[in-house]
Amino acid sequence: LVARMTYDGNTNYKDSVKGRFNISRNRARTAVYLQMNNL
């Protein structure tokens, strides 16, 4: 697991990516994105 977002919007991340990666989604909950910084 790298990052996950529940239906309610709760997130969890693999420890090694915290602070560098960000998960987000669209309002319809039909798309999810992973912004990966400082790879």
Full PDB file with SEQRES, HELIX, SHEET, SSBOND, CRYST1, ORIGX, SCALE, CONECT and MASTER records, all heavy atoms in Angstrom:
SEQRES   1 A   39  LEU VAL ALA ARG MET THR TYR ASP GLY ASN THR ASN TYR          
SEQRES   2 A   39  LYS ASP SER VAL LYS GLY ARG PHE ASN ILE SER ARG ASN          
SEQRES   3 A   39  ARG ALA ARG THR ALA VAL TYR LEU GLN MET ASN ASN LEU          
HELIX    1 AA1 ASP A   15  VAL A   17  5                                   3    
SHEET    1 AA1 2 ALA A   3  MET A   5  0                                        
SHEET    2 AA1 2 THR A  11  TYR A  13 -1                                        
SHEET    1 AA2 2 PHE A  21  ARG A  25  0                                        
SHEET    2 AA2 2 VAL A  32  MET A  36 -1                                        
CRYST1    1.000    1.000    1.000  90.00  90.00  90.00 P 1           1          
ORIGX1      1.000000  0.000000  0.000000        0.00000                         
ORIGX2      0.000000  1.000000  0.000000        0.00000                         
ORIGX3      0.000000  0.000000  1.000000        0.00000                         
SCALE1      1.000000  0.000000  0.000000        0.00000                         
SCALE2      0.000000  1.000000  0.000000        0.00000                         
SCALE3      0.000000  0.000000  1.000000        0.00000                         
ATOM      1  N   LEU A   1       0.837  -1.187   0.000  1.00  0.00           N  
ATOM      2  CA  LEU A   1       0.000   0.000   0.000  1.00  0.00           C  
ATOM      3  C   LEU A   1       0.876   1.243   0.000  1.00  0.00           C  
ATOM      4  O   LEU A   1       1.830   1.348   0.785  1.00  0.00           O  
ATOM      5  CB  LEU A   1      -0.901   0.013   1.229  1.00  0.00           C  
ATOM      6  CG  LEU A   1      -1.724   1.278   1.442  1.00  0.00           C  
ATOM      7  CD1 LEU A   1      -2.783   1.411   0.369  1.00  0.00           C  
ATOM      8  CD2 LEU A   1      -2.349   1.267   2.836  1.00  0.00           C  
ATOM      9  N   VAL A   2       0.526   2.199  -0.845  1.00  0.00           N  
ATOM     10  CA  VAL A   2       1.208   3.493  -0.862  1.00  0.00           C  
ATOM     11  C   VAL A   2       0.322   4.540  -0.199  1.00  0.00           C  
ATOM     12  O   VAL A   2       0.745   5.242   0.719  1.00  0.00           O  
ATOM     13  CB  VAL A   2       1.552   3.927  -2.295  1.00  0.00           C  
ATOM     14  CG1 VAL A   2       2.200   5.306  -2.297  1.00  0.00           C  
ATOM     15  CG2 VAL A   2       2.451   2.898  -2.970  1.00  0.00           C  
ATOM     16  N   ALA A   3      -0.897   4.656  -0.665  1.00  0.00           N  
ATOM     17  CA  ALA A   3      -1.826   5.632  -0.116  1.00  0.00           C  
ATOM     18  C   ALA A   3      -3.238   5.188  -0.441  1.00  0.00           C  
ATOM     19  O   ALA A   3      -3.486   4.594  -1.498  1.00  0.00           O  
ATOM     20  CB  ALA A   3      -1.561   7.022  -0.677  1.00  0.00           C  
ATOM     21  N   ARG A   4      -4.148   5.521   0.463  1.00  0.00           N  
ATOM     22  CA  ARG A   4      -5.518   5.053   0.316  1.00  0.00           C  
ATOM     23  C   ARG A   4      -6.458   6.115   0.895  1.00  0.00           C  
ATOM     24  O   ARG A   4      -6.126   6.779   1.879  1.00  0.00           O  
ATOM     25  CB  ARG A   4      -5.656   3.734   1.076  1.00  0.00           C  
ATOM     26  CG  ARG A   4      -7.013   3.112   1.146  1.00  0.00           C  
ATOM     27  CD  ARG A   4      -6.880   1.758   1.860  1.00  0.00           C  
ATOM     28  NE  ARG A   4      -8.162   1.136   2.080  1.00  0.00           N  
ATOM     29  CZ  ARG A   4      -8.853   1.217   3.209  1.00  0.00           C  
ATOM     30  NH1 ARG A   4      -8.374   1.906   4.214  1.00  0.00           N  
ATOM     31  NH2 ARG A   4     -10.010   0.602   3.321  1.00  0.00           N  
ATOM     32  N   MET A   5      -7.611   6.266   0.261  1.00  0.00           N  
ATOM     33  CA  MET A   5      -8.621   7.187   0.758  1.00  0.00           C  
ATOM     34  C   MET A   5      -9.951   6.461   0.845  1.00  0.00           C  
ATOM     35  O   MET A   5     -10.404   5.877  -0.144  1.00  0.00           O  
ATOM     36  CB  MET A   5      -8.741   8.415  -0.151  1.00  0.00           C  
ATOM     37  CG  MET A   5      -9.765   9.422   0.327  1.00  0.00           C  
ATOM     38  SD  MET A   5      -9.890  10.885  -0.726  1.00  0.00           S  
ATOM     39  CE  MET A   5      -8.384  11.755  -0.261  1.00  0.00           C  
ATOM     40  N   THR A   6     -10.581   6.504   2.005  1.00  0.00           N  
ATOM     41  CA  THR A   6     -11.859   5.832   2.178  1.00  0.00           C  
ATOM     42  C   THR A   6     -12.991   6.668   1.606  1.00  0.00           C  
ATOM     43  O   THR A   6     -12.812   7.832   1.230  1.00  0.00           O  
ATOM     44  CB  THR A   6     -12.141   5.558   3.656  1.00  0.00           C  
ATOM     45  OG1 THR A   6     -12.333   6.819   4.316  1.00  0.00           O  
ATOM     46  CG2 THR A   6     -10.997   4.803   4.315  1.00  0.00           C  
ATOM     47  N   TYR A   7     -14.163   6.070   1.575  1.00  0.00           N  
ATOM     48  CA  TYR A   7     -15.343   6.774   1.070  1.00  0.00           C  
ATOM     49  C   TYR A   7     -15.533   8.113   1.796  1.00  0.00           C  
ATOM     50  O   TYR A   7     -15.884   9.119   1.192  1.00  0.00           O  
ATOM     51  CB  TYR A   7     -16.576   5.896   1.251  1.00  0.00           C  
ATOM     52  CG  TYR A   7     -17.857   6.544   0.777  1.00  0.00           C  
ATOM     53  CD1 TYR A   7     -18.249   6.426  -0.549  1.00  0.00           C  
ATOM     54  CD2 TYR A   7     -18.667   7.257   1.654  1.00  0.00           C  
ATOM     55  CE1 TYR A   7     -19.417   7.017  -1.004  1.00  0.00           C  
ATOM     56  CE2 TYR A   7     -19.831   7.850   1.215  1.00  0.00           C  
ATOM     57  CZ  TYR A   7     -20.209   7.733  -0.113  1.00  0.00           C  
ATOM     58  OH  TYR A   7     -21.363   8.325  -0.559  1.00  0.00           O  
ATOM     59  N   ASP A   8     -15.281   8.098   3.112  1.00  0.00           N  
ATOM     60  CA  ASP A   8     -15.478   9.290   3.929  1.00  0.00           C  
ATOM     61  C   ASP A   8     -14.343  10.294   3.843  1.00  0.00           C  
ATOM     62  O   ASP A   8     -14.402  11.344   4.462  1.00  0.00           O  
ATOM     63  CB  ASP A   8     -15.668   8.893   5.397  1.00  0.00           C  
ATOM     64  CG  ASP A   8     -16.953   8.128   5.613  1.00  0.00           C  
ATOM     65  OD1 ASP A   8     -17.907   8.335   4.835  1.00  0.00           O  
ATOM     66  OD2 ASP A   8     -17.014   7.320   6.566  1.00  0.00           O  
ATOM     67  N   GLY A   9     -13.304   9.944   3.110  1.00  0.00           N  
ATOM     68  CA  GLY A   9     -12.197  10.872   2.939  1.00  0.00           C  
ATOM     69  C   GLY A   9     -11.024  10.662   3.868  1.00  0.00           C  
ATOM     70  O   GLY A   9     -10.061  11.432   3.837  1.00  0.00           O  
ATOM     71  N   ASN A  10     -11.082   9.642   4.690  1.00  0.00           N  
ATOM     72  CA  ASN A  10      -9.942   9.353   5.548  1.00  0.00           C  
ATOM     73  C   ASN A  10      -8.802   8.771   4.716  1.00  0.00           C  
ATOM     74  O   ASN A  10      -9.037   8.015   3.770  1.00  0.00           O  
ATOM     75  CB  ASN A  10     -10.327   8.362   6.649  1.00  0.00           C  
ATOM     76  CG  ASN A  10     -11.370   8.934   7.575  1.00  0.00           C  
ATOM     77  OD1 ASN A  10     -11.246  10.063   8.039  1.00  0.00           O  
ATOM     78  ND2 ASN A  10     -12.420   8.176   7.842  1.00  0.00           N  
ATOM     79  N   THR A  11      -7.595   9.133   5.079  1.00  0.00           N  
ATOM     80  CA  THR A  11      -6.438   8.688   4.296  1.00  0.00           C  
ATOM     81  C   THR A  11      -5.430   7.959   5.167  1.00  0.00           C  
ATOM     82  O   THR A  11      -5.349   8.193   6.381  1.00  0.00           O  
ATOM     83  CB  THR A  11      -5.728   9.869   3.624  1.00  0.00           C  
ATOM     84  OG1 THR A  11      -5.294  10.783   4.629  1.00  0.00           O  
ATOM     85  CG2 THR A  11      -6.653  10.587   2.657  1.00  0.00           C  
ATOM     86  N   ASN A  12      -4.689   7.092   4.548  1.00  0.00           N  
ATOM     87  CA  ASN A  12      -3.517   6.535   5.200  1.00  0.00           C  
ATOM     88  C   ASN A  12      -2.425   6.315   4.160  1.00  0.00           C  
ATOM     89  O   ASN A  12      -2.711   6.095   2.977  1.00  0.00           O  
ATOM     90  CB  ASN A  12      -3.814   5.256   5.992  1.00  0.00           C  
ATOM     91  CG  ASN A  12      -4.419   4.166   5.169  1.00  0.00           C  
ATOM     92  OD1 ASN A  12      -5.523   4.304   4.663  1.00  0.00           O  
ATOM     93  ND2 ASN A  12      -3.701   3.068   5.021  1.00  0.00           N  
ATOM     94  N   TYR A  13      -1.211   6.452   4.630  1.00  0.00           N  
ATOM     95  CA  TYR A  13      -0.036   6.427   3.763  1.00  0.00           C  
ATOM     96  C   TYR A  13       1.014   5.469   4.301  1.00  0.00           C  
ATOM     97  O   TYR A  13       1.152   5.273   5.504  1.00  0.00           O  
ATOM     98  CB  TYR A  13       0.617   7.814   3.702  1.00  0.00           C  
ATOM     99  CG  TYR A  13      -0.188   8.884   3.034  1.00  0.00           C  
ATOM    100  CD1 TYR A  13      -1.107   9.644   3.754  1.00  0.00           C  
ATOM    101  CD2 TYR A  13      -0.021   9.158   1.682  1.00  0.00           C  
ATOM    102  CE1 TYR A  13      -1.850  10.639   3.144  1.00  0.00           C  
ATOM    103  CE2 TYR A  13      -0.753  10.165   1.058  1.00  0.00           C  
ATOM    104  CZ  TYR A  13      -1.658  10.895   1.800  1.00  0.00           C  
ATOM    105  OH  TYR A  13      -2.379  11.889   1.177  1.00  0.00           O  
ATOM    106  N   LYS A  14       1.774   4.925   3.384  1.00  0.00           N  
ATOM    107  CA  LYS A  14       2.983   4.190   3.767  1.00  0.00           C  
ATOM    108  C   LYS A  14       3.917   5.197   4.441  1.00  0.00           C  
ATOM    109  O   LYS A  14       4.036   6.340   3.988  1.00  0.00           O  
ATOM    110  CB  LYS A  14       3.642   3.604   2.518  1.00  0.00           C  
ATOM    111  CG  LYS A  14       4.934   2.863   2.760  1.00  0.00           C  
ATOM    112  CD  LYS A  14       5.481   2.311   1.475  1.00  0.00           C  
ATOM    113  CE  LYS A  14       6.847   1.691   1.689  1.00  0.00           C  
ATOM    114  NZ  LYS A  14       6.824   0.592   2.672  1.00  0.00           N  
ATOM    115  N   ASP A  15       4.560   4.770   5.507  1.00  0.00           N  
ATOM    116  CA  ASP A  15       5.383   5.703   6.280  1.00  0.00           C  
ATOM    117  C   ASP A  15       6.427   6.414   5.425  1.00  0.00           C  
ATOM    118  O   ASP A  15       6.670   7.613   5.584  1.00  0.00           O  
ATOM    119  CB  ASP A  15       6.079   4.966   7.426  1.00  0.00           C  
ATOM    120  CG  ASP A  15       5.136   4.668   8.579  1.00  0.00           C  
ATOM    121  OD1 ASP A  15       4.037   5.246   8.621  1.00  0.00           O  
ATOM    122  OD2 ASP A  15       5.501   3.858   9.447  1.00  0.00           O  
ATOM    123  N   SER A  16       7.041   5.695   4.525  1.00  0.00           N  
ATOM    124  CA  SER A  16       8.164   6.276   3.775  1.00  0.00           C  
ATOM    125  C   SER A  16       7.736   7.333   2.765  1.00  0.00           C  
ATOM    126  O   SER A  16       8.587   8.036   2.209  1.00  0.00           O  
ATOM    127  CB  SER A  16       8.955   5.176   3.072  1.00  0.00           C  
ATOM    128  OG  SER A  16       8.161   4.538   2.095  1.00  0.00           O  
ATOM    129  N   VAL A  17       6.438   7.457   2.509  1.00  0.00           N  
ATOM    130  CA  VAL A  17       5.984   8.467   1.545  1.00  0.00           C  
ATOM    131  C   VAL A  17       5.286   9.640   2.219  1.00  0.00           C  
ATOM    132  O   VAL A  17       4.935  10.617   1.549  1.00  0.00           O  
ATOM    133  CB  VAL A  17       5.072   7.861   0.462  1.00  0.00           C  
ATOM    134  CG1 VAL A  17       5.729   6.651  -0.188  1.00  0.00           C  
ATOM    135  CG2 VAL A  17       3.686   7.524   0.988  1.00  0.00           C  
ATOM    136  N   LYS A  18       5.073   9.543   3.513  1.00  0.00           N  
ATOM    137  CA  LYS A  18       4.406  10.636   4.231  1.00  0.00           C  
ATOM    138  C   LYS A  18       5.203  11.928   4.082  1.00  0.00           C  
ATOM    139  O   LYS A  18       6.427  11.944   4.221  1.00  0.00           O  
ATOM    140  CB  LYS A  18       4.264  10.271   5.705  1.00  0.00           C  
ATOM    141  CG  LYS A  18       3.230   9.204   5.971  1.00  0.00           C  
ATOM    142  CD  LYS A  18       3.144   8.870   7.463  1.00  0.00           C  
ATOM    143  CE  LYS A  18       2.119   7.787   7.716  1.00  0.00           C  
ATOM    144  NZ  LYS A  18       2.055   7.397   9.141  1.00  0.00           N  
ATOM    145  N   GLY A  19       4.485  13.000   3.788  1.00  0.00           N  
ATOM    146  CA  GLY A  19       5.139  14.286   3.589  1.00  0.00           C  
ATOM    147  C   GLY A  19       5.629  14.516   2.174  1.00  0.00           C  
ATOM    148  O   GLY A  19       5.985  15.633   1.812  1.00  0.00           O  
ATOM    149  N   ARG A  20       5.657  13.449   1.373  1.00  0.00           N  
ATOM    150  CA  ARG A  20       6.097  13.590  -0.025  1.00  0.00           C  
ATOM    151  C   ARG A  20       4.965  13.311  -1.012  1.00  0.00           C  
ATOM    152  O   ARG A  20       4.904  13.930  -2.074  1.00  0.00           O  
ATOM    153  CB  ARG A  20       7.249  12.615  -0.319  1.00  0.00           C  
ATOM    154  CG  ARG A  20       8.486  12.823   0.526  1.00  0.00           C  
ATOM    155  CD  ARG A  20       9.648  11.972   0.033  1.00  0.00           C  
ATOM    156  NE  ARG A  20       9.375  10.531   0.137  1.00  0.00           N  
ATOM    157  CZ  ARG A  20       9.399   9.678  -0.888  1.00  0.00           C  
ATOM    158  NH1 ARG A  20       9.660  10.117  -2.107  1.00  0.00           N  
ATOM    159  NH2 ARG A  20       9.175   8.397  -0.690  1.00  0.00           N  
ATOM    160  N   PHE A  21       4.101  12.362  -0.678  1.00  0.00           N  
ATOM    161  CA  PHE A  21       2.999  11.983  -1.565  1.00  0.00           C  
ATOM    162  C   PHE A  21       1.683  12.499  -0.998  1.00  0.00           C  
ATOM    163  O   PHE A  21       1.495  12.582   0.218  1.00  0.00           O  
ATOM    164  CB  PHE A  21       2.906  10.465  -1.680  1.00  0.00           C  
ATOM    165  CG  PHE A  21       4.035   9.812  -2.433  1.00  0.00           C  
ATOM    166  CD1 PHE A  21       5.183  10.497  -2.774  1.00  0.00           C  
ATOM    167  CD2 PHE A  21       3.932   8.470  -2.799  1.00  0.00           C  
ATOM    168  CE1 PHE A  21       6.213   9.878  -3.458  1.00  0.00           C  
ATOM    169  CE2 PHE A  21       4.951   7.844  -3.493  1.00  0.00           C  
ATOM    170  CZ  PHE A  21       6.087   8.554  -3.811  1.00  0.00           C  
ATOM    171  N   ASN A  22       0.770  12.800  -1.913  1.00  0.00           N  
ATOM    172  CA  ASN A  22      -0.554  13.237  -1.487  1.00  0.00           C  
ATOM    173  C   ASN A  22      -1.621  12.590  -2.370  1.00  0.00           C  
ATOM    174  O   ASN A  22      -1.543  12.669  -3.604  1.00  0.00           O  
ATOM    175  CB  ASN A  22      -0.681  14.759  -1.577  1.00  0.00           C  
ATOM    176  CG  ASN A  22      -2.017  15.234  -1.065  1.00  0.00           C  
ATOM    177  OD1 ASN A  22      -2.293  15.159   0.120  1.00  0.00           O  
ATOM    178  ND2 ASN A  22      -2.867  15.709  -1.955  1.00  0.00           N  
ATOM    179  N   ILE A  23      -2.591  11.968  -1.738  1.00  0.00           N  
ATOM    180  CA  ILE A  23      -3.692  11.352  -2.475  1.00  0.00           C  
ATOM    181  C   ILE A  23      -4.887  12.290  -2.449  1.00  0.00           C  
ATOM    182  O   ILE A  23      -5.168  12.929  -1.432  1.00  0.00           O  
ATOM    183  CB  ILE A  23      -4.043   9.966  -1.894  1.00  0.00           C  
ATOM    184  CG1 ILE A  23      -5.035   9.239  -2.788  1.00  0.00           C  
ATOM    185  CG2 ILE A  23      -4.553  10.055  -0.458  1.00  0.00           C  
ATOM    186  CD1 ILE A  23      -5.236   7.767  -2.436  1.00  0.00           C  
ATOM    187  N   SER A  24      -5.573  12.368  -3.564  1.00  0.00           N  
ATOM    188  CA  SER A  24      -6.773  13.188  -3.655  1.00  0.00           C  
ATOM    189  C   SER A  24      -7.751  12.523  -4.611  1.00  0.00           C  
ATOM    190  O   SER A  24      -7.411  11.534  -5.272  1.00  0.00           O  
ATOM    191  CB  SER A  24      -6.430  14.598  -4.119  1.00  0.00           C  
ATOM    192  OG  SER A  24      -5.839  14.571  -5.412  1.00  0.00           O  
ATOM    193  N   ARG A  25      -8.936  13.081  -4.710  1.00  0.00           N  
ATOM    194  CA  ARG A  25      -9.938  12.479  -5.603  1.00  0.00           C  
ATOM    195  C   ARG A  25     -10.864  13.566  -6.110  1.00  0.00           C  
ATOM    196  O   ARG A  25     -10.881  14.689  -5.598  1.00  0.00           O  
ATOM    197  CB  ARG A  25     -10.727  11.405  -4.864  1.00  0.00           C  
ATOM    198  CG  ARG A  25     -11.618  11.970  -3.774  1.00  0.00           C  
ATOM    199  CD  ARG A  25     -12.328  10.878  -3.007  1.00  0.00           C  
ATOM    200  NE  ARG A  25     -13.145  11.426  -1.936  1.00  0.00           N  
ATOM    201  CZ  ARG A  25     -13.656  10.684  -0.971  1.00  0.00           C  
ATOM    202  NH1 ARG A  25     -13.453   9.365  -0.934  1.00  0.00           N  
ATOM    203  NH2 ARG A  25     -14.394  11.244  -0.028  1.00  0.00           N  
ATOM    204  N   ASN A  26     -11.665  13.200  -7.084  1.00  0.00           N  
ATOM    205  CA  ASN A  26     -12.660  14.145  -7.557  1.00  0.00           C  
ATOM    206  C   ASN A  26     -13.914  14.048  -6.680  1.00  0.00           C  
ATOM    207  O   ASN A  26     -14.070  13.133  -5.865  1.00  0.00           O  
ATOM    208  CB  ASN A  26     -12.976  13.914  -9.037  1.00  0.00           C  
ATOM    209  CG  ASN A  26     -13.659  12.577  -9.305  1.00  0.00           C  
ATOM    210  OD1 ASN A  26     -13.735  11.722  -8.425  1.00  0.00           O  
ATOM    211  ND2 ASN A  26     -14.146  12.405 -10.508  1.00  0.00           N  
ATOM    212  N   ARG A  27     -14.811  15.000  -6.865  1.00  0.00           N  
ATOM    213  CA  ARG A  27     -15.990  15.067  -6.005  1.00  0.00           C  
ATOM    214  C   ARG A  27     -16.886  13.844  -6.190  1.00  0.00           C  
ATOM    215  O   ARG A  27     -17.524  13.383  -5.258  1.00  0.00           O  
ATOM    216  CB  ARG A  27     -16.759  16.353  -6.297  1.00  0.00           C  
ATOM    217  CG  ARG A  27     -17.979  16.540  -5.424  1.00  0.00           C  
ATOM    218  CD  ARG A  27     -18.594  17.898  -5.630  1.00  0.00           C  
ATOM    219  NE  ARG A  27     -17.753  18.956  -5.109  1.00  0.00           N  
ATOM    220  CZ  ARG A  27     -18.104  20.231  -5.052  1.00  0.00           C  
ATOM    221  NH1 ARG A  27     -19.289  20.605  -5.507  1.00  0.00           N  
ATOM    222  NH2 ARG A  27     -17.298  21.140  -4.562  1.00  0.00           N  
ATOM    223  N   ALA A  28     -16.934  13.325  -7.384  1.00  0.00           N  
ATOM    224  CA  ALA A  28     -17.813  12.191  -7.678  1.00  0.00           C  
ATOM    225  C   ALA A  28     -17.257  10.867  -7.169  1.00  0.00           C  
ATOM    226  O   ALA A  28     -17.923   9.835  -7.259  1.00  0.00           O  
ATOM    227  CB  ALA A  28     -18.057  12.100  -9.183  1.00  0.00           C  
ATOM    228  N   ARG A  29     -16.032  10.900  -6.643  1.00  0.00           N  
ATOM    229  CA  ARG A  29     -15.381   9.673  -6.155  1.00  0.00           C  
ATOM    230  C   ARG A  29     -15.191   8.659  -7.278  1.00  0.00           C  
ATOM    231  O   ARG A  29     -15.247   7.449  -7.056  1.00  0.00           O  
ATOM    232  CB  ARG A  29     -16.147   9.041  -4.990  1.00  0.00           C  
ATOM    233  CG  ARG A  29     -16.306   9.935  -3.775  1.00  0.00           C  
ATOM    234  CD  ARG A  29     -16.995   9.172  -2.651  1.00  0.00           C  
ATOM    235  NE  ARG A  29     -17.174   9.945  -1.449  1.00  0.00           N  
ATOM    236  CZ  ARG A  29     -18.266  10.662  -1.192  1.00  0.00           C  
ATOM    237  NH1 ARG A  29     -19.247  10.698  -2.062  1.00  0.00           N  
ATOM    238  NH2 ARG A  29     -18.362  11.336  -0.059  1.00  0.00           N  
ATOM    239  N   THR A  30     -14.960   9.140  -8.476  1.00  0.00           N  
ATOM    240  CA  THR A  30     -14.715   8.247  -9.601  1.00  0.00           C  
ATOM    241  C   THR A  30     -13.297   8.363 -10.127  1.00  0.00           C  
ATOM    242  O   THR A  30     -12.940   7.706 -11.111  1.00  0.00           O  
ATOM    243  CB  THR A  30     -15.695   8.529 -10.749  1.00  0.00           C  
ATOM    244  OG1 THR A  30     -15.557   9.915 -11.136  1.00  0.00           O  
ATOM    245  CG2 THR A  30     -17.129   8.255 -10.329  1.00  0.00           C  
ATOM    246  N   ALA A  31     -12.501   9.202  -9.520  1.00  0.00           N  
ATOM    247  CA  ALA A  31     -11.105   9.346  -9.925  1.00  0.00           C  
ATOM    248  C   ALA A  31     -10.263   9.606  -8.690  1.00  0.00           C  
ATOM    249  O   ALA A  31     -10.705  10.270  -7.745  1.00  0.00           O  
ATOM    250  CB  ALA A  31     -10.926  10.476 -10.926  1.00  0.00           C  
ATOM    251  N   VAL A  32      -9.088   9.075  -8.716  1.00  0.00           N  
ATOM    252  CA  VAL A  32      -8.151   9.285  -7.606  1.00  0.00           C  
ATOM    253  C   VAL A  32      -6.801   9.648  -8.192  1.00  0.00           C  
ATOM    254  O   VAL A  32      -6.445   9.195  -9.295  1.00  0.00           O  
ATOM    255  CB  VAL A  32      -8.073   8.020  -6.712  1.00  0.00           C  
ATOM    256  CG1 VAL A  32      -7.454   6.849  -7.441  1.00  0.00           C  
ATOM    257  CG2 VAL A  32      -7.342   8.316  -5.422  1.00  0.00           C  
ATOM    258  N   TYR A  33      -6.096  10.487  -7.467  1.00  0.00           N  
ATOM    259  CA  TYR A  33      -4.832  11.008  -7.944  1.00  0.00           C  
ATOM    260  C   TYR A  33      -3.748  10.784  -6.882  1.00  0.00           C  
ATOM    261  O   TYR A  33      -4.045  10.753  -5.682  1.00  0.00           O  
ATOM    262  CB  TYR A  33      -4.948  12.501  -8.245  1.00  0.00           C  
ATOM    263  CG  TYR A  33      -6.145  12.830  -9.085  1.00  0.00           C  
ATOM    264  CD1 TYR A  33      -7.326  13.289  -8.500  1.00  0.00           C  
ATOM    265  CD2 TYR A  33      -6.119  12.650 -10.464  1.00  0.00           C  
ATOM    266  CE1 TYR A  33      -8.438  13.567  -9.258  1.00  0.00           C  
ATOM    267  CE2 TYR A  33      -7.236  12.931 -11.235  1.00  0.00           C  
ATOM    268  CZ  TYR A  33      -8.393  13.391 -10.632  1.00  0.00           C  
ATOM    269  OH  TYR A  33      -9.491  13.651 -11.394  1.00  0.00           O  
ATOM    270  N   LEU A  34      -2.525  10.674  -7.338  1.00  0.00           N  
ATOM    271  CA  LEU A  34      -1.403  10.573  -6.409  1.00  0.00           C  
ATOM    272  C   LEU A  34      -0.336  11.554  -6.863  1.00  0.00           C  
ATOM    273  O   LEU A  34       0.303  11.354  -7.907  1.00  0.00           O  
ATOM    274  CB  LEU A  34      -0.846   9.152  -6.372  1.00  0.00           C  
ATOM    275  CG  LEU A  34       0.232   8.909  -5.321  1.00  0.00           C  
ATOM    276  CD1 LEU A  34      -0.371   9.017  -3.909  1.00  0.00           C  
ATOM    277  CD2 LEU A  34       0.881   7.547  -5.506  1.00  0.00           C  
ATOM    278  N   GLN A  35      -0.187  12.614  -6.100  1.00  0.00           N  
ATOM    279  CA  GLN A  35       0.883  13.572  -6.358  1.00  0.00           C  
ATOM    280  C   GLN A  35       2.127  13.102  -5.622  1.00  0.00           C  
ATOM    281  O   GLN A  35       2.100  12.960  -4.396  1.00  0.00           O  
ATOM    282  CB  GLN A  35       0.473  14.967  -5.876  1.00  0.00           C  
ATOM    283  CG  GLN A  35       1.551  16.018  -6.043  1.00  0.00           C  
ATOM    284  CD  GLN A  35       1.864  16.302  -7.504  1.00  0.00           C  
ATOM    285  OE1 GLN A  35       0.968  16.372  -8.329  1.00  0.00           O  
ATOM    286  NE2 GLN A  35       3.144  16.472  -7.820  1.00  0.00           N  
ATOM    287  N   MET A  36       3.180  12.862  -6.353  1.00  0.00           N  
ATOM    288  CA  MET A  36       4.415  12.328  -5.774  1.00  0.00           C  
ATOM    289  C   MET A  36       5.516  13.368  -5.944  1.00  0.00           C  
ATOM    290  O   MET A  36       5.894  13.690  -7.069  1.00  0.00           O  
ATOM    291  CB  MET A  36       4.800  11.021  -6.463  1.00  0.00           C  
ATOM    292  CG  MET A  36       3.692   9.975  -6.439  1.00  0.00           C  
ATOM    293  SD  MET A  36       4.208   8.389  -7.107  1.00  0.00           S  
ATOM    294  CE  MET A  36       4.424   8.822  -8.834  1.00  0.00           C  
ATOM    295  N   ASN A  37       5.988  13.869  -4.838  1.00  0.00           N  
ATOM    296  CA  ASN A  37       7.044  14.887  -4.842  1.00  0.00           C  
ATOM    297  C   ASN A  37       8.322  14.324  -4.242  1.00  0.00           C  
ATOM    298  O   ASN A  37       8.304  13.349  -3.494  1.00  0.00           O  
ATOM    299  CB  ASN A  37       6.592  16.107  -4.041  1.00  0.00           C  
ATOM    300  CG  ASN A  37       5.362  16.751  -4.612  1.00  0.00           C  
ATOM    301  OD1 ASN A  37       5.178  16.833  -5.827  1.00  0.00           O  
ATOM    302  ND2 ASN A  37       4.492  17.232  -3.734  1.00  0.00           N  
ATOM    303  N   ASN A  38       9.418  14.972  -4.582  1.00  0.00           N  
ATOM    304  CA  ASN A  38      10.716  14.571  -4.046  1.00  0.00           C  
ATOM    305  C   ASN A  38      10.917  13.057  -4.186  1.00  0.00           C  
ATOM    306  O   ASN A  38      11.236  12.360  -3.211  1.00  0.00           O  
ATOM    307  CB  ASN A  38      10.834  14.994  -2.587  1.00  0.00           C  
ATOM    308  CG  ASN A  38      12.236  14.790  -2.035  1.00  0.00           C  
ATOM    309  OD1 ASN A  38      13.213  14.742  -2.791  1.00  0.00           O  
ATOM    310  ND2 ASN A  38      12.336  14.661  -0.721  1.00  0.00           N  
ATOM    311  N   LEU A  39      10.736  12.580  -5.389  1.00  0.00           N  
ATOM    312  CA  LEU A  39      10.831  11.139  -5.631  1.00  0.00           C  
ATOM    313  C   LEU A  39      12.229  10.620  -5.347  1.00  0.00           C  
ATOM    314  O   LEU A  39      13.239  11.296  -5.607  1.00  0.00           O  
ATOM    315  CB  LEU A  39      10.410  10.824  -7.058  1.00  0.00           C  
ATOM    316  CG  LEU A  39       8.895  10.824  -7.267  1.00  0.00           C  
ATOM    317  CD1 LEU A  39       8.543  11.009  -8.733  1.00  0.00           C  
ATOM    318  CD2 LEU A  39       8.287   9.537  -6.730  1.00  0.00           C  
TER     319      LEU A  39                                                      
MASTER        0    0    0    1    4    0    0    6  318    1    0    3          
END                                                                             
